[in-house]
Amino acid sequence: MVIKRKWLKRTITALIFIIGLGIVSFPFVSNAMSQQQQHRMIDTYNDVSRHSKQVVVVSTSKLSKTLAWFKNPFQKFNVKKVDKDKRSNTINGMLTQVEMLGTINIPNIDVKLPIFKGTADLQLSEGAGLMEKTSPLDGKKGSHSVVTAHRGLPGSKLFTDLPKLKKGDRFFINSKGKKMTYKVDRIKTIKPTELGNFAKDDRYNYVTLMTCTPYMINSHRLLVRGHRIPNEKEPAAKKQISWLWIGLGVIIAGGATYGGYRWYKKRR
């Protein structure tokens, strides 16, 4: 009876430890998974847009993405080329595909995201979105595009570190095979109703990056505007560590910690 109680106590202790470890590690593993997915979308989009002008859409099926991760976590993300006039984005009134307009790379905060058409929750849960009624990402003078993304999502970094950018920093946009470089020239915090900050200027091509601020309060909007400059060499993206290796490392570290704790208890 005493042995059974000891076994039960140890089992409960181990389960509590494993659950706690899972809770602590979830944001890190989830963010790694999200970044890997975003980078696969970006790589595949770049391959497609380099050779074709067709519209690129990505499936929004969470189940199909999850199954693809477990089947082969290293493959490029599956996107489809479709003719614009033949595209069907809805089934039973629900959005099932999202058009991908390009990619954005912000080296100083280590962010590289796909840019989707629109800013609904669906698009902003996967990457950044081009705000409706703003200019297309064509790099032409006299246009002003607004690209927005969330901050503080528990499972994805997105624009969380946007406040760290400074005037003079660069960011890079690639859309339909056109690569564009932007230099940050204005950083401003506004109320959500102050929409007069997206004015156009015939002399410049502007792109404004927008996210919510302050962190987790979201009462205002942070605007980071850049104007297009002659193209510069885009820094290579940092090598991403597979979420599988991160998960395995967490498990090994957790097992070693628990094993050390049990050994210490026996020695006492």
C-alpha atoms as a PDB file:
ATOM      1  CA  MET A   1       0.000   0.000   0.000  1.00  0.00           C
ATOM      2  CA  VAL A   2       2.871   2.337   0.861  1.00  0.00           C
ATOM      3  CA  ILE A   3       4.561   1.502  -2.451  1.00  0.00           C
ATOM      4  CA  LYS A   4       1.373   2.305  -4.386  1.00  0.00           C
ATOM      5  CA  ARG A   5       1.058   5.651  -2.621  1.00  0.00           C
ATOM      6  CA  LYS A   6       4.672   6.512  -3.431  1.00  0.00           C
ATOM      7  CA  TRP A   7       4.130   5.521  -7.072  1.00  0.00           C
ATOM      8  CA  LEU A   8       0.955   7.614  -7.268  1.00  0.00           C
ATOM      9  CA  LYS A   9       2.664  10.594  -5.663  1.00  0.00           C
ATOM     10  CA  ARG A  10       5.599  10.377  -8.089  1.00  0.00           C
ATOM     11  CA  THR A  11       3.262  10.026 -11.071  1.00  0.00           C
ATOM     12  CA  ILE A  12       1.222  13.074 -10.066  1.00  0.00           C
ATOM     13  CA  THR A  13       4.416  15.070  -9.473  1.00  0.00           C
ATOM     14  CA  ALA A  14       5.752  14.087 -12.908  1.00  0.00           C
ATOM     15  CA  LEU A  15       2.464  15.009 -14.604  1.00  0.00           C
ATOM     16  CA  ILE A  16       2.376  18.400 -12.894  1.00  0.00           C
ATOM     17  CA  PHE A  17       5.964  19.023 -13.952  1.00  0.00           C
ATOM     18  CA  ILE A  18       5.268  18.020 -17.582  1.00  0.00           C
ATOM     19  CA  ILE A  19       2.137  20.191 -17.765  1.00  0.00           C
ATOM     20  CA  GLY A  20       4.002  23.154 -16.295  1.00  0.00           C
ATOM     21  CA  LEU A  21       6.870  22.642 -18.732  1.00  0.00           C
ATOM     22  CA  GLY A  22       4.408  22.562 -21.622  1.00  0.00           C
ATOM     23  CA  ILE A  23       2.768  25.817 -20.508  1.00  0.00           C
ATOM     24  CA  VAL A  24       6.122  27.584 -20.171  1.00  0.00           C
ATOM     25  CA  SER A  25       7.483  26.319 -23.500  1.00  0.00           C
ATOM     26  CA  PHE A  26       4.310  26.788 -25.566  1.00  0.00           C
ATOM     27  CA  PRO A  27       4.949  30.426 -26.668  1.00  0.00           C
ATOM     28  CA  PHE A  28       8.483  29.597 -27.832  1.00  0.00           C
ATOM     29  CA  VAL A  29       7.549  26.448 -29.733  1.00  0.00           C
ATOM     30  CA  SER A  30       4.418  28.052 -31.197  1.00  0.00           C
ATOM     31  CA  ASN A  31       6.370  31.110 -32.371  1.00  0.00           C
ATOM     32  CA  ALA A  32       8.999  28.875 -33.974  1.00  0.00           C
ATOM     33  CA  MET A  33       6.254  26.946 -35.781  1.00  0.00           C
ATOM     34  CA  SER A  34       4.633  30.189 -36.949  1.00  0.00           C
ATOM     35  CA  GLN A  35       7.923  31.615 -38.240  1.00  0.00           C
ATOM     36  CA  GLN A  36       8.695  28.395 -40.084  1.00  0.00           C
ATOM     37  CA  GLN A  37       5.284  28.507 -41.748  1.00  0.00           C
ATOM     38  CA  GLN A  38       5.696  32.181 -42.706  1.00  0.00           C
ATOM     39  CA  HIS A  39       9.130  31.557 -44.181  1.00  0.00           C
ATOM     40  CA  ARG A  40       7.810  28.640 -46.241  1.00  0.00           C
ATOM     41  CA  MET A  41       5.068  30.884 -47.638  1.00  0.00           C
ATOM     42  CA  ILE A  42       7.628  33.589 -48.427  1.00  0.00           C
ATOM     43  CA  ASP A  43      10.063  31.210 -50.147  1.00  0.00           C
ATOM     44  CA  THR A  44       7.344  29.689 -52.292  1.00  0.00           C
ATOM     45  CA  TYR A  45       5.831  33.081 -53.165  1.00  0.00           C
ATOM     46  CA  ASN A  46       9.235  34.360 -54.247  1.00  0.00           C
ATOM     47  CA  ASP A  47       9.751  31.316 -56.465  1.00  0.00           C
ATOM     48  CA  VAL A  48       6.325  31.742 -58.075  1.00  0.00           C
ATOM     49  CA  SER A  49       6.447  35.534 -58.543  1.00  0.00           C
ATOM     50  CA  ARG A  50       9.901  35.346 -60.078  1.00  0.00           C
ATOM     51  CA  HIS A  51       8.551  33.369 -63.040  1.00  0.00           C
ATOM     52  CA  SER A  52       4.875  34.297 -63.232  1.00  0.00           C
ATOM     53  CA  LYS A  53       2.499  37.262 -62.937  1.00  0.00           C
ATOM     54  CA  GLN A  54      -0.434  35.109 -61.878  1.00  0.00           C
ATOM     55  CA  VAL A  55      -2.258  35.787 -58.616  1.00  0.00           C
ATOM     56  CA  VAL A  56      -0.939  33.729 -55.690  1.00  0.00           C
ATOM     57  CA  VAL A  57      -3.354  32.502 -53.018  1.00  0.00           C
ATOM     58  CA  VAL A  58      -2.762  30.431 -49.901  1.00  0.00           C
ATOM     59  CA  SER A  59      -5.192  28.056 -48.254  1.00  0.00           C
ATOM     60  CA  THR A  60      -6.520  29.074 -44.842  1.00  0.00           C
ATOM     61  CA  SER A  61      -7.316  25.541 -43.697  1.00  0.00           C
ATOM     62  CA  LYS A  62      -5.641  25.123 -40.295  1.00  0.00           C
ATOM     63  CA  LEU A  63      -6.105  21.354 -40.458  1.00  0.00           C
ATOM     64  CA  SER A  64      -4.376  20.993 -43.824  1.00  0.00           C
ATOM     65  CA  LYS A  65      -1.460  23.145 -42.604  1.00  0.00           C
ATOM     66  CA  THR A  66      -1.076  21.152 -39.402  1.00  0.00           C
ATOM     67  CA  LEU A  67      -1.088  17.862 -41.277  1.00  0.00           C
ATOM     68  CA  ALA A  68       1.497  19.265 -43.710  1.00  0.00           C
ATOM     69  CA  TRP A  69       3.792  20.254 -40.809  1.00  0.00           C
ATOM     70  CA  PHE A  70       3.787  16.754 -39.349  1.00  0.00           C
ATOM     71  CA  LYS A  71       4.144  15.095 -42.749  1.00  0.00           C
ATOM     72  CA  ASN A  72       7.178  17.156 -43.708  1.00  0.00           C
ATOM     73  CA  PRO A  73       8.121  20.159 -41.525  1.00  0.00           C
ATOM     74  CA  PHE A  74      10.940  21.170 -43.877  1.00  0.00           C
ATOM     75  CA  GLN A  75       9.015  21.494 -47.159  1.00  0.00           C
ATOM     76  CA  LYS A  76       8.052  24.814 -48.706  1.00  0.00           C
ATOM     77  CA  PHE A  77       4.530  26.058 -48.025  1.00  0.00           C
ATOM     78  CA  ASN A  78       1.932  25.027 -50.574  1.00  0.00           C
ATOM     79  CA  VAL A  79       0.612  28.019 -52.518  1.00  0.00           C
ATOM     80  CA  LYS A  80      -1.381  28.021 -55.735  1.00  0.00           C
ATOM     81  CA  LYS A  81      -1.242  30.125 -58.888  1.00  0.00           C
ATOM     82  CA  VAL A  82      -4.680  31.004 -60.208  1.00  0.00           C
ATOM     83  CA  ASP A  83      -6.028  33.249 -62.939  1.00  0.00           C
ATOM     84  CA  LYS A  84      -7.578  36.333 -61.365  1.00  0.00           C
ATOM     85  CA  ASP A  85     -10.898  35.990 -63.200  1.00  0.00           C
ATOM     86  CA  LYS A  86     -11.227  32.313 -62.247  1.00  0.00           C
ATOM     87  CA  ARG A  87     -10.393  32.630 -58.583  1.00  0.00           C
ATOM     88  CA  SER A  88     -12.954  31.453 -56.018  1.00  0.00           C
ATOM     89  CA  ASN A  89     -12.256  32.554 -52.440  1.00  0.00           C
ATOM     90  CA  THR A  90     -15.422  31.488 -50.657  1.00  0.00           C
ATOM     91  CA  ILE A  91     -17.237  28.300 -49.762  1.00  0.00           C
ATOM     92  CA  ASN A  92     -20.658  28.664 -48.128  1.00  0.00           C
ATOM     93  CA  GLY A  93     -19.862  32.324 -47.490  1.00  0.00           C
ATOM     94  CA  MET A  94     -16.636  31.575 -45.596  1.00  0.00           C
ATOM     95  CA  LEU A  95     -13.220  32.768 -46.769  1.00  0.00           C
ATOM     96  CA  THR A  96     -11.057  29.770 -47.657  1.00  0.00           C
ATOM     97  CA  GLN A  97      -8.197  31.348 -49.602  1.00  0.00           C
ATOM     98  CA  VAL A  98      -6.231  34.558 -49.140  1.00  0.00           C
ATOM     99  CA  GLU A  99      -4.410  36.428 -51.878  1.00  0.00           C
ATOM    100  CA  MET A 100      -0.731  36.983 -51.119  1.00  0.00           C
ATOM    101  CA  LEU A 101       0.566  40.344 -52.388  1.00  0.00           C
ATOM    102  CA  GLY A 102       4.212  40.173 -51.396  1.00  0.00           C
ATOM    103  CA  THR A 103       6.671  39.913 -48.539  1.00  0.00           C
ATOM    104  CA  ILE A 104       8.272  42.291 -46.048  1.00  0.00           C
ATOM    105  CA  ASN A 105      11.678  41.962 -44.399  1.00  0.00           C
ATOM    106  CA  ILE A 106      12.672  44.202 -41.458  1.00  0.00           C
ATOM    107  CA  PRO A 107      16.230  43.123 -40.601  1.00  0.00           C
ATOM    108  CA  ASN A 108      16.735  45.347 -37.521  1.00  0.00           C
ATOM    109  CA  ILE A 109      13.967  43.541 -35.634  1.00  0.00           C
ATOM    110  CA  ASP A 110      14.425  40.164 -37.365  1.00  0.00           C
ATOM    111  CA  VAL A 111      10.958  40.102 -38.951  1.00  0.00           C
ATOM    112  CA  LYS A 112      10.089  38.543 -42.292  1.00  0.00           C
ATOM    113  CA  LEU A 113       6.383  38.169 -43.101  1.00  0.00           C
ATOM    114  CA  PRO A 114       4.012  37.475 -45.975  1.00  0.00           C
ATOM    115  CA  ILE A 115       1.742  40.397 -46.926  1.00  0.00           C
ATOM    116  CA  PHE A 116      -1.875  39.498 -47.683  1.00  0.00           C
ATOM    117  CA  LYS A 117      -4.683  41.421 -49.332  1.00  0.00           C
ATOM    118  CA  GLY A 118      -6.927  42.833 -46.594  1.00  0.00           C
ATOM    119  CA  THR A 119      -6.715  43.181 -42.824  1.00  0.00           C
ATOM    120  CA  ALA A 120      -9.353  40.779 -41.475  1.00  0.00           C
ATOM    121  CA  ASP A 121      -8.515  38.548 -38.517  1.00  0.00           C
ATOM    122  CA  LEU A 122      -7.841  35.682 -40.898  1.00  0.00           C
ATOM    123  CA  GLN A 123      -5.062  37.541 -42.727  1.00  0.00           C
ATOM    124  CA  LEU A 124      -3.549  39.124 -39.611  1.00  0.00           C
ATOM    125  CA  SER A 125      -3.344  35.777 -37.820  1.00  0.00           C
ATOM    126  CA  GLU A 126      -0.976  34.563 -40.565  1.00  0.00           C
ATOM    127  CA  GLY A 127       1.149  37.637 -41.323  1.00  0.00           C
ATOM    128  CA  ALA A 128       0.750  41.282 -42.369  1.00  0.00           C
ATOM    129  CA  GLY A 129      -2.060  42.807 -44.407  1.00  0.00           C
ATOM    130  CA  LEU A 130      -2.332  45.667 -46.894  1.00  0.00           C
ATOM    131  CA  MET A 131      -4.969  48.075 -45.606  1.00  0.00           C
ATOM    132  CA  GLU A 132      -7.972  48.537 -47.839  1.00  0.00           C
ATOM    133  CA  LYS A 133      -8.225  51.773 -49.849  1.00  0.00           C
ATOM    134  CA  THR A 134      -4.480  52.417 -49.666  1.00  0.00           C
ATOM    135  CA  SER A 135      -2.064  52.229 -52.592  1.00  0.00           C
ATOM    136  CA  PRO A 136      -0.874  48.926 -54.090  1.00  0.00           C
ATOM    137  CA  LEU A 137       2.670  47.770 -53.433  1.00  0.00           C
ATOM    138  CA  ASP A 138       3.968  48.982 -56.805  1.00  0.00           C
ATOM    139  CA  GLY A 139       6.772  51.323 -55.685  1.00  0.00           C
ATOM    140  CA  LYS A 140       5.486  54.248 -57.753  1.00  0.00           C
ATOM    141  CA  LYS A 141       5.906  57.869 -56.693  1.00  0.00           C
ATOM    142  CA  GLY A 142       2.753  59.506 -55.418  1.00  0.00           C
ATOM    143  CA  SER A 143       1.499  56.326 -53.749  1.00  0.00           C
ATOM    144  CA  HIS A 144       1.164  55.523 -50.040  1.00  0.00           C
ATOM    145  CA  SER A 145       0.606  51.924 -48.894  1.00  0.00           C
ATOM    146  CA  VAL A 146      -0.253  50.924 -45.318  1.00  0.00           C
ATOM    147  CA  VAL A 147       0.891  47.503 -44.098  1.00  0.00           C
ATOM    148  CA  THR A 148      -0.423  46.416 -40.717  1.00  0.00           C
ATOM    149  CA  ALA A 149       0.118  43.464 -38.365  1.00  0.00           C
ATOM    150  CA  HIS A 150      -0.637  42.480 -34.780  1.00  0.00           C
ATOM    151  CA  ARG A 151       1.548  42.787 -31.686  1.00  0.00           C
ATOM    152  CA  GLY A 152       1.638  40.486 -28.718  1.00  0.00           C
ATOM    153  CA  LEU A 153       0.057  37.342 -30.153  1.00  0.00           C
ATOM    154  CA  PRO A 154       1.082  34.467 -27.843  1.00  0.00           C
ATOM    155  CA  GLY A 155       2.054  32.196 -30.716  1.00  0.00           C
ATOM    156  CA  SER A 156       3.554  34.590 -33.281  1.00  0.00           C
ATOM    157  CA  LYS A 157       5.960  37.536 -33.146  1.00  0.00           C
ATOM    158  CA  LEU A 158       4.636  39.561 -36.130  1.00  0.00           C
ATOM    159  CA  PHE A 159       5.048  43.360 -35.412  1.00  0.00           C
ATOM    160  CA  THR A 160       5.693  42.962 -31.662  1.00  0.00           C
ATOM    161  CA  ASP A 161       9.113  44.653 -31.920  1.00  0.00           C
ATOM    162  CA  LEU A 162       8.105  47.432 -34.329  1.00  0.00           C
ATOM    163  CA  PRO A 163       8.652  50.150 -31.635  1.00  0.00           C
ATOM    164  CA  LYS A 164      12.372  49.280 -31.682  1.00  0.00           C
ATOM    165  CA  LEU A 165      12.786  50.739 -35.172  1.00  0.00           C
ATOM    166  CA  LYS A 166      14.511  54.107 -35.517  1.00  0.00           C
ATOM    167  CA  LYS A 167      14.700  56.769 -38.203  1.00  0.00           C
ATOM    168  CA  GLY A 168      17.135  55.704 -40.886  1.00  0.00           C
ATOM    169  CA  ASP A 169      16.446  51.982 -40.498  1.00  0.00           C
ATOM    170  CA  ARG A 170      15.639  50.048 -43.667  1.00  0.00           C
ATOM    171  CA  PHE A 171      12.926  47.594 -44.577  1.00  0.00           C
ATOM    172  CA  PHE A 172      12.455  45.638 -47.783  1.00  0.00           C
ATOM    173  CA  ILE A 173       9.323  44.721 -49.740  1.00  0.00           C
ATOM    174  CA  ASN A 174       9.090  42.240 -52.580  1.00  0.00           C
ATOM    175  CA  SER A 175       5.873  42.261 -54.615  1.00  0.00           C
ATOM    176  CA  LYS A 176       5.245  40.520 -57.929  1.00  0.00           C
ATOM    177  CA  GLY A 177       8.947  40.150 -58.581  1.00  0.00           C
ATOM    178  CA  LYS A 178       9.745  43.809 -57.815  1.00  0.00           C
ATOM    179  CA  LYS A 179      12.186  44.387 -54.950  1.00  0.00           C
ATOM    180  CA  MET A 180      11.933  47.723 -53.108  1.00  0.00           C
ATOM    181  CA  THR A 181      13.978  49.309 -50.310  1.00  0.00           C
ATOM    182  CA  TYR A 182      12.524  51.803 -47.819  1.00  0.00           C
ATOM    183  CA  LYS A 183      14.188  54.149 -45.329  1.00  0.00           C
ATOM    184  CA  VAL A 184      12.290  55.024 -42.147  1.00  0.00           C
ATOM    185  CA  ASP A 185      11.687  58.787 -42.029  1.00  0.00           C
ATOM    186  CA  ARG A 186       8.847  59.202 -39.513  1.00  0.00           C
ATOM    187  CA  ILE A 187       7.679  57.428 -36.353  1.00  0.00           C
ATOM    188  CA  LYS A 188       4.412  58.574 -34.844  1.00  0.00           C
ATOM    189  CA  THR A 189       1.737  57.442 -32.366  1.00  0.00           C
ATOM    190  CA  ILE A 190      -1.850  58.344 -33.172  1.00  0.00           C
ATOM    191  CA  LYS A 191      -5.427  57.614 -32.102  1.00  0.00           C
ATOM    192  CA  PRO A 192      -7.310  55.098 -34.286  1.00  0.00           C
ATOM    193  CA  THR A 193      -9.548  57.885 -35.605  1.00  0.00           C
ATOM    194  CA  GLU A 194      -6.668  60.048 -36.865  1.00  0.00           C
ATOM    195  CA  LEU A 195      -6.649  58.888 -40.472  1.00  0.00           C
ATOM    196  CA  GLY A 196      -5.024  61.987 -41.921  1.00  0.00           C
ATOM    197  CA  ASN A 197      -1.529  60.528 -41.546  1.00  0.00           C
ATOM    198  CA  PHE A 198      -1.522  58.592 -44.808  1.00  0.00           C
ATOM    199  CA  ALA A 199      -1.283  61.535 -47.196  1.00  0.00           C
ATOM    200  CA  LYS A 200       0.387  61.069 -50.576  1.00  0.00           C
ATOM    201  CA  ASP A 201       3.227  63.123 -52.002  1.00  0.00           C
ATOM    202  CA  ASP A 202       3.981  63.175 -55.723  1.00  0.00           C
ATOM    203  CA  ARG A 203       7.711  63.243 -54.966  1.00  0.00           C
ATOM    204  CA  TYR A 204       7.819  60.032 -52.894  1.00  0.00           C
ATOM    205  CA  ASN A 205       6.623  56.465 -52.664  1.00  0.00           C
ATOM    206  CA  TYR A 206       5.627  55.878 -49.035  1.00  0.00           C
ATOM    207  CA  VAL A 207       4.922  52.688 -47.111  1.00  0.00           C
ATOM    208  CA  THR A 208       3.658  52.998 -43.528  1.00  0.00           C
ATOM    209  CA  LEU A 209       3.908  50.061 -41.127  1.00  0.00           C
ATOM    210  CA  MET A 210       1.152  50.135 -38.527  1.00  0.00           C
ATOM    211  CA  THR A 211       0.430  48.213 -35.328  1.00  0.00           C
ATOM    212  CA  CYS A 212      -1.379  48.663 -32.017  1.00  0.00           C
ATOM    213  CA  THR A 213       0.233  50.366 -29.014  1.00  0.00           C
ATOM    214  CA  PRO A 214       0.830  50.437 -26.023  1.00  0.00           C
ATOM    215  CA  TYR A 215       1.570  46.751 -25.692  1.00  0.00           C
ATOM    216  CA  MET A 216      -1.499  44.731 -24.607  1.00  0.00           C
ATOM    217  CA  ILE A 217      -3.558  47.944 -24.162  1.00  0.00           C
ATOM    218  CA  ASN A 218      -3.929  48.782 -27.866  1.00  0.00           C
ATOM    219  CA  SER A 219      -5.610  52.148 -27.423  1.00  0.00           C
ATOM    220  CA  HIS A 220      -3.435  53.871 -30.055  1.00  0.00           C
ATOM    221  CA  ARG A 221      -1.660  53.060 -33.312  1.00  0.00           C
ATOM    222  CA  LEU A 222       2.073  53.180 -33.956  1.00  0.00           C
ATOM    223  CA  LEU A 223       3.017  54.384 -37.442  1.00  0.00           C
ATOM    224  CA  VAL A 224       6.467  53.770 -38.890  1.00  0.00           C
ATOM    225  CA  ARG A 225       6.714  55.421 -42.302  1.00  0.00           C
ATOM    226  CA  GLY A 226       9.414  54.813 -44.880  1.00  0.00           C
ATOM    227  CA  HIS A 227      10.079  56.308 -48.300  1.00  0.00           C
ATOM    228  CA  ARG A 228      11.511  54.362 -51.182  1.00  0.00           C
ATOM    229  CA  ILE A 229      15.216  54.729 -51.897  1.00  0.00           C
ATOM    230  CA  PRO A 230      17.514  53.121 -54.486  1.00  0.00           C
ATOM    231  CA  ASN A 231      17.662  49.404 -53.840  1.00  0.00           C
ATOM    232  CA  GLU A 232      20.195  48.161 -51.322  1.00  0.00           C
ATOM    233  CA  LYS A 233      21.370  44.622 -50.759  1.00  0.00           C
ATOM    234  CA  GLU A 234      18.840  42.844 -48.608  1.00  0.00           C
ATOM    235  CA  PRO A 235      20.495  41.184 -45.593  1.00  0.00           C
ATOM    236  CA  ALA A 236      20.181  37.427 -45.577  1.00  0.00           C
ATOM    237  CA  ALA A 237      17.539  36.098 -43.215  1.00  0.00           C
ATOM    238  CA  LYS A 238      18.774  34.466 -40.061  1.00  0.00           C
ATOM    239  CA  LYS A 239      18.763  30.699 -40.217  1.00  0.00           C
ATOM    240  CA  GLN A 240      15.610  29.405 -38.556  1.00  0.00           C
ATOM    241  CA  ILE A 241      15.847  26.569 -36.064  1.00  0.00           C
ATOM    242  CA  SER A 242      13.220  23.931 -36.705  1.00  0.00           C
ATOM    243  CA  TRP A 243      10.457  23.853 -34.096  1.00  0.00           C
ATOM    244  CA  LEU A 244      11.007  20.103 -33.910  1.00  0.00           C
ATOM    245  CA  TRP A 245      14.524  20.645 -32.587  1.00  0.00           C
ATOM    246  CA  ILE A 246      13.278  23.283 -30.169  1.00  0.00           C
ATOM    247  CA  GLY A 247      10.623  20.918 -28.869  1.00  0.00           C
ATOM    248  CA  LEU A 248      13.127  18.099 -28.547  1.00  0.00           C
ATOM    249  CA  GLY A 249      15.509  20.383 -26.661  1.00  0.00           C
ATOM    250  CA  VAL A 250      12.752  21.401 -24.249  1.00  0.00           C
ATOM    251  CA  ILE A 251      11.862  17.753 -23.590  1.00  0.00           C
ATOM    252  CA  ILE A 252      15.487  16.758 -22.996  1.00  0.00           C
ATOM    253  CA  ALA A 253      16.094  19.747 -20.724  1.00  0.00           C
ATOM    254  CA  GLY A 254      12.902  19.024 -18.807  1.00  0.00           C
ATOM    255  CA  GLY A 255      13.751  15.350 -18.428  1.00  0.00           C
ATOM    256  CA  ALA A 256      17.262  16.151 -17.225  1.00  0.00           C
ATOM    257  CA  THR A 257      15.914  18.681 -14.710  1.00  0.00           C
ATOM    258  CA  TYR A 258      13.347  16.239 -13.339  1.00  0.00           C
ATOM    259  CA  GLY A 259      15.921  13.441 -13.221  1.00  0.00           C
ATOM    260  CA  GLY A 260      18.313  15.685 -11.301  1.00  0.00           C
ATOM    261  CA  TYR A 261      15.556  16.599  -8.871  1.00  0.00           C
ATOM    262  CA  ARG A 262      14.720  12.930  -8.215  1.00  0.00           C
ATOM    263  CA  TRP A 263      18.415  12.100  -7.688  1.00  0.00           C
ATOM    264  CA  TYR A 264      18.732  14.999  -5.240  1.00  0.00           C
ATOM    265  CA  LYS A 265      15.688  13.805  -3.283  1.00  0.00           C
ATOM    266  CA  LYS A 266      17.105  10.286  -2.980  1.00  0.00           C
ATOM    267  CA  ARG A 267      20.457  11.610  -1.711  1.00  0.00           C
ATOM    268  CA  ARG A 268      18.830  13.529   1.110  1.00  0.00           C
END
